[in-house]
Protein backbone atom coordinates (compact mmCIF):
# COMPACT_ATOMS: atom_id res chain seq x y z
CA UNK A 1 8.62 -8.48 -17.40
CA UNK A 2 11.50 -6.32 -16.22
CA UNK A 3 9.15 -4.08 -14.20
CA UNK A 4 7.66 -7.12 -12.47
CA UNK A 5 11.16 -8.32 -11.59
CA UNK A 6 12.03 -4.92 -10.14
CA UNK A 7 8.88 -5.02 -8.02
CA UNK A 8 9.85 -8.43 -6.70
CA UNK A 9 13.31 -7.13 -5.79
CA UNK A 10 11.70 -4.25 -3.92
CA UNK A 11 9.40 -6.64 -2.05
CA UNK A 12 12.39 -8.79 -1.14
CA UNK A 13 14.24 -5.76 0.18
CA UNK A 14 11.22 -4.77 2.27
CA UNK A 15 11.04 -8.24 3.83
CA UNK A 16 14.72 -8.05 4.75
CA UNK A 17 14.22 -4.62 6.32
CA UNK A 18 11.19 -5.90 8.25
CA UNK A 19 13.31 -8.78 9.51
CA UNK A 20 15.95 -6.28 10.58
CA UNK A 21 13.33 -4.33 12.51
CA UNK A 22 12.51 -7.49 14.44
CA UNK A 23 16.20 -7.88 15.26
CA UNK A 24 16.29 -4.29 16.58
CA UNK A 25 13.27 -5.03 18.77
CA UNK A 26 14.88 -8.24 20.05
CA UNK A 27 18.04 -6.37 21.09
CA UNK A 28 16.01 -3.63 22.78
CA UNK A 29 13.80 -6.06 24.68
CA UNK A 30 16.60 -8.32 25.87
CA UNK A 31 18.41 -5.31 27.32
CA UNK A 32 15.20 -3.98 28.87
CA UNK A 33 14.69 -7.41 30.44
CA UNK A 34 18.11 -7.06 32.04
CA UNK A 35 17.98 -3.41 33.09
CA UNK A 36 14.40 -3.60 34.42
CA UNK A 37 14.91 -7.13 35.80
CA UNK A 38 11.86 -8.29 33.86
CA UNK A 39 12.12 -11.86 32.52
CA UNK A 40 8.81 -11.50 30.68
CA UNK A 41 10.54 -9.18 28.19
CA UNK A 42 13.15 -11.85 27.52
CA UNK A 43 10.43 -14.45 27.05
CA UNK A 44 8.74 -12.30 24.39
CA UNK A 45 11.94 -12.47 22.36
CA UNK A 46 12.47 -16.20 22.84
CA UNK A 47 8.87 -17.26 22.20
CA UNK A 48 7.66 -14.59 19.77
CA UNK A 49 10.27 -12.57 17.94
CA UNK A 50 13.01 -15.13 17.33
CA UNK A 51 10.68 -17.74 15.73
CA UNK A 52 9.40 -15.03 13.36
CA UNK A 53 12.98 -14.10 12.45
CA UNK A 54 13.70 -17.77 11.70
CA UNK A 55 10.61 -18.06 9.51
CA UNK A 56 11.58 -14.92 7.62
CA UNK A 57 15.08 -16.28 7.03
CA UNK A 58 13.55 -19.26 5.18
CA UNK A 59 11.13 -17.03 3.24
CA UNK A 60 13.83 -14.57 2.13
CA UNK A 61 16.18 -17.35 1.05
CA UNK A 62 13.43 -19.00 -0.98
CA UNK A 63 12.45 -15.73 -2.65
CA UNK A 64 16.05 -14.87 -3.51
CA UNK A 65 16.83 -18.32 -4.90
CA UNK A 66 13.64 -18.29 -7.00
CA UNK A 67 14.64 -14.95 -8.53
CA UNK A 68 18.12 -16.32 -9.22
CA UNK A 69 16.65 -19.34 -10.96
CA UNK A 70 13.73 -17.87 -12.89
CA UNK A 71 15.03 -14.49 -13.99
CA UNK A 72 18.07 -13.23 -15.84
CA UNK A 73 19.37 -10.57 -13.44
CA UNK A 74 21.70 -7.83 -14.56
CA UNK A 75 25.05 -7.56 -12.79
CA UNK A 76 23.81 -5.08 -10.20
CA UNK A 77 20.77 -7.25 -9.51
CA UNK A 78 22.94 -10.33 -9.17
CA UNK A 79 25.01 -8.46 -6.58
CA UNK A 80 21.83 -7.43 -4.78
CA UNK A 81 20.53 -11.01 -4.60
CA UNK A 82 23.91 -12.30 -3.45
CA UNK A 83 24.01 -9.55 -0.81
CA UNK A 84 20.47 -10.31 0.36
CA UNK A 85 21.30 -13.98 0.97
CA UNK A 86 24.26 -12.96 3.13
CA UNK A 87 22.37 -10.16 4.91
CA UNK A 88 19.57 -12.61 5.63
CA UNK A 89 21.99 -15.00 7.31
CA UNK A 90 23.55 -12.19 9.34
CA UNK A 91 20.15 -11.06 10.60
CA UNK A 92 19.23 -14.58 11.68
CA UNK A 93 22.50 -14.88 13.60
CA UNK A 94 21.81 -11.54 15.27
CA UNK A 95 18.48 -12.89 16.45
CA UNK A 96 20.24 -15.92 17.91
CA UNK A 97 22.69 -13.68 19.79
CA UNK A 98 19.84 -11.61 21.23
CA UNK A 99 18.27 -14.86 22.42
CA UNK A 100 21.56 -15.79 24.09
CA UNK A 101 21.24 -12.65 26.23
CA UNK A 102 17.56 -13.32 26.93
CA UNK A 103 18.23 -16.86 28.07
CA UNK A 104 20.77 -15.59 30.61
CA UNK A 105 18.44 -12.96 32.10
CA UNK A 106 16.44 -15.11 34.57
CA UNK A 107 19.62 -16.38 36.21
CA UNK A 108 21.32 -12.98 36.17
CA UNK A 109 18.49 -11.16 37.94
CA UNK A 110 18.33 -13.64 40.81
CA UNK A 111 21.15 -11.70 42.51
CA UNK A 112 22.41 -8.11 42.44
CA UNK A 113 24.54 -7.46 39.36
CA UNK A 114 28.32 -7.34 39.72
CA UNK A 115 28.34 -3.75 38.49
CA UNK A 116 25.70 -1.07 37.80
CA UNK A 117 24.51 -1.19 34.20
CA UNK A 118 26.00 1.89 32.54
CA UNK A 119 28.31 0.81 29.73
CA UNK A 120 26.19 -2.11 28.56
CA UNK A 121 23.02 -0.07 27.82
CA UNK A 122 25.16 2.48 25.97
CA UNK A 123 26.78 -0.33 24.01
CA UNK A 124 23.37 -1.84 23.21
CA UNK A 125 22.06 1.54 22.02
CA UNK A 126 25.03 1.89 19.65
CA UNK A 127 24.47 -1.65 18.36
CA UNK A 128 20.77 -0.97 17.75
CA UNK A 129 21.79 2.19 15.88
CA UNK A 130 24.21 0.20 13.74
CA UNK A 131 21.48 -2.25 12.76
CA UNK A 132 19.12 0.61 11.91
CA UNK A 133 21.75 2.48 9.87
CA UNK A 134 22.76 -0.66 7.98
CA UNK A 135 19.13 -1.27 7.01
CA UNK A 136 18.58 2.39 6.11
CA UNK A 137 21.69 2.17 3.92
CA UNK A 138 20.18 -0.89 2.24
CA UNK A 139 16.86 0.84 1.56
CA UNK A 140 18.49 4.05 0.27
CA UNK A 141 21.51 2.49 -1.49
CA UNK A 142 23.52 4.84 0.71
CA UNK A 143 27.20 3.90 0.76
CA UNK A 144 28.17 6.83 3.01
CA UNK A 145 25.72 5.65 5.65
CA UNK A 146 27.01 2.09 5.34
CA UNK A 147 30.54 3.35 5.97
CA UNK A 148 29.32 5.11 9.13
CA UNK A 149 28.27 1.70 10.43
CA UNK A 150 31.84 0.46 9.98
CA UNK A 151 33.13 3.40 11.99
CA UNK A 152 30.63 2.85 14.83
CA UNK A 153 31.83 -0.72 15.14
CA UNK A 154 35.13 0.63 16.47
CA UNK A 155 33.20 2.53 19.16
CA UNK A 156 31.38 -0.66 20.16
CA UNK A 157 34.67 -2.53 20.38
CA UNK A 158 36.04 0.22 22.66
CA UNK A 159 33.00 -0.07 24.94
CA UNK A 160 33.40 -3.86 25.04
CA UNK A 161 37.02 -3.44 26.12
CA UNK A 162 35.94 -0.96 28.79
CA UNK A 163 33.33 -3.40 30.13
CA UNK A 164 35.90 -6.20 30.19
CA UNK A 165 38.44 -4.07 32.06
CA UNK A 166 35.95 -2.87 34.66
CA UNK A 167 34.57 -6.33 35.31
CA UNK A 168 38.00 -7.91 35.47
CA UNK A 169 38.92 -5.35 38.11
CA UNK A 170 35.77 -6.29 40.05
CA UNK A 171 36.67 -9.99 39.91
CA UNK A 172 40.23 -9.38 41.05
CA UNK A 173 39.09 -7.38 44.06
CA UNK A 174 36.15 -9.59 45.00
CA UNK A 175 36.29 -13.24 43.84
CA UNK A 176 32.70 -13.76 45.01
CA UNK A 177 31.62 -11.64 42.02
CA UNK A 178 33.30 -13.83 39.39
CA UNK A 179 30.19 -15.66 38.20
CA UNK A 180 28.05 -12.51 38.05
CA UNK A 181 30.80 -10.55 36.33
CA UNK A 182 31.31 -13.28 33.73
CA UNK A 183 27.58 -13.15 32.94
CA UNK A 184 27.88 -9.45 32.12
CA UNK A 185 31.01 -10.09 30.05
CA UNK A 186 29.02 -12.59 27.99
CA UNK A 187 26.30 -9.98 27.42
CA UNK A 188 28.97 -7.57 26.15
CA UNK A 189 30.42 -10.30 23.95
CA UNK A 190 27.03 -11.06 22.40
CA UNK A 191 26.40 -7.35 21.74
CA UNK A 192 29.83 -7.01 20.13
CA UNK A 193 29.10 -9.98 17.87
CA UNK A 194 25.75 -8.43 16.84
CA UNK A 195 27.70 -5.29 15.92
CA UNK A 196 30.02 -7.43 13.79
CA UNK A 197 27.02 -8.78 11.89
CA UNK A 198 25.68 -5.25 11.39
CA UNK A 199 29.09 -4.39 9.96
CA UNK A 200 28.83 -7.36 7.62
CA UNK A 201 25.47 -6.03 6.38
CA UNK A 202 26.95 -2.58 5.74
CA UNK A 203 29.80 -4.16 3.78
CA UNK A 204 27.27 -6.10 1.67
CA UNK A 205 25.46 -2.84 0.89
CA UNK A 206 28.71 -1.32 -0.34
CA UNK A 207 29.36 -4.42 -2.45
CA UNK A 208 25.88 -4.26 -3.96
CA UNK A 209 25.99 -0.56 -4.83
CA UNK A 210 29.62 -0.16 -5.87
CA UNK A 211 30.61 -3.69 -6.85
CA UNK A 212 33.59 -3.44 -4.50
CA UNK A 213 34.37 -6.04 -1.85
CA UNK A 214 35.56 -3.94 1.10
CA UNK A 215 35.50 -6.65 3.75
CA UNK A 216 39.20 -7.28 4.28
CA UNK A 217 40.41 -3.92 2.98
CA UNK A 218 38.28 -1.84 5.35
CA UNK A 219 39.13 -4.02 8.35
CA UNK A 220 42.82 -3.73 7.64
CA UNK A 221 42.53 0.07 7.41
CA UNK A 222 40.73 0.17 10.75
CA UNK A 223 43.34 -2.03 12.42
CA UNK A 224 46.13 0.22 11.15
CA UNK A 225 44.31 3.33 12.39
CA UNK A 226 43.68 1.88 15.86
CA UNK A 227 45.99 3.10 18.63
CA UNK A 228 48.52 0.69 20.07
CA UNK A 229 47.49 -0.89 23.41
CA UNK A 230 48.64 1.30 26.26
CA UNK A 231 49.26 4.33 24.03
């Protein structure tokens, strides 16, 4: 009975990781749609990947709730199931944010971009890496790897700030670029929010493995370690 339950937990974990892989693909394709000015890539996310992510969200929730109801999980398994429900929700939201970028692509590529795409692809690559590391940490029960995700989030925030500064400068010097610059700012904002969700997943992994809720504690430490603006 216990072995069967453990197998079901492993299957649940694998479904979550598969879902995360779809999120990675969605991020990659939405950025490729933008950099290569190819709306068909964006459409693949909207019509194909995102509906599958939504279906998996329902499946994972149902599996987790059934295991809650029909089994008698040990404390560590209870933490795992609680973490899976939250991770599942974070992954679905990440899919929605990737779709936000995809939906903006057709309009954005109608005109030249306000600024060459340099920082945004770098930011997207870091975000994809965060998603991958968070899922690897989940599969391996690797707290050290999960903590690396938290550290990378600071790098993503720094890139977001850099994008905002550069685009604000463009808008100030050429008001005709305001609309196009704002579109790129929204892409950066969506990527930064995906990174936040990857951070949430890493924090859930730490909670599952160590039984420690690091959400507010870790964020406070990172705020205290951040340099003062203008320093």
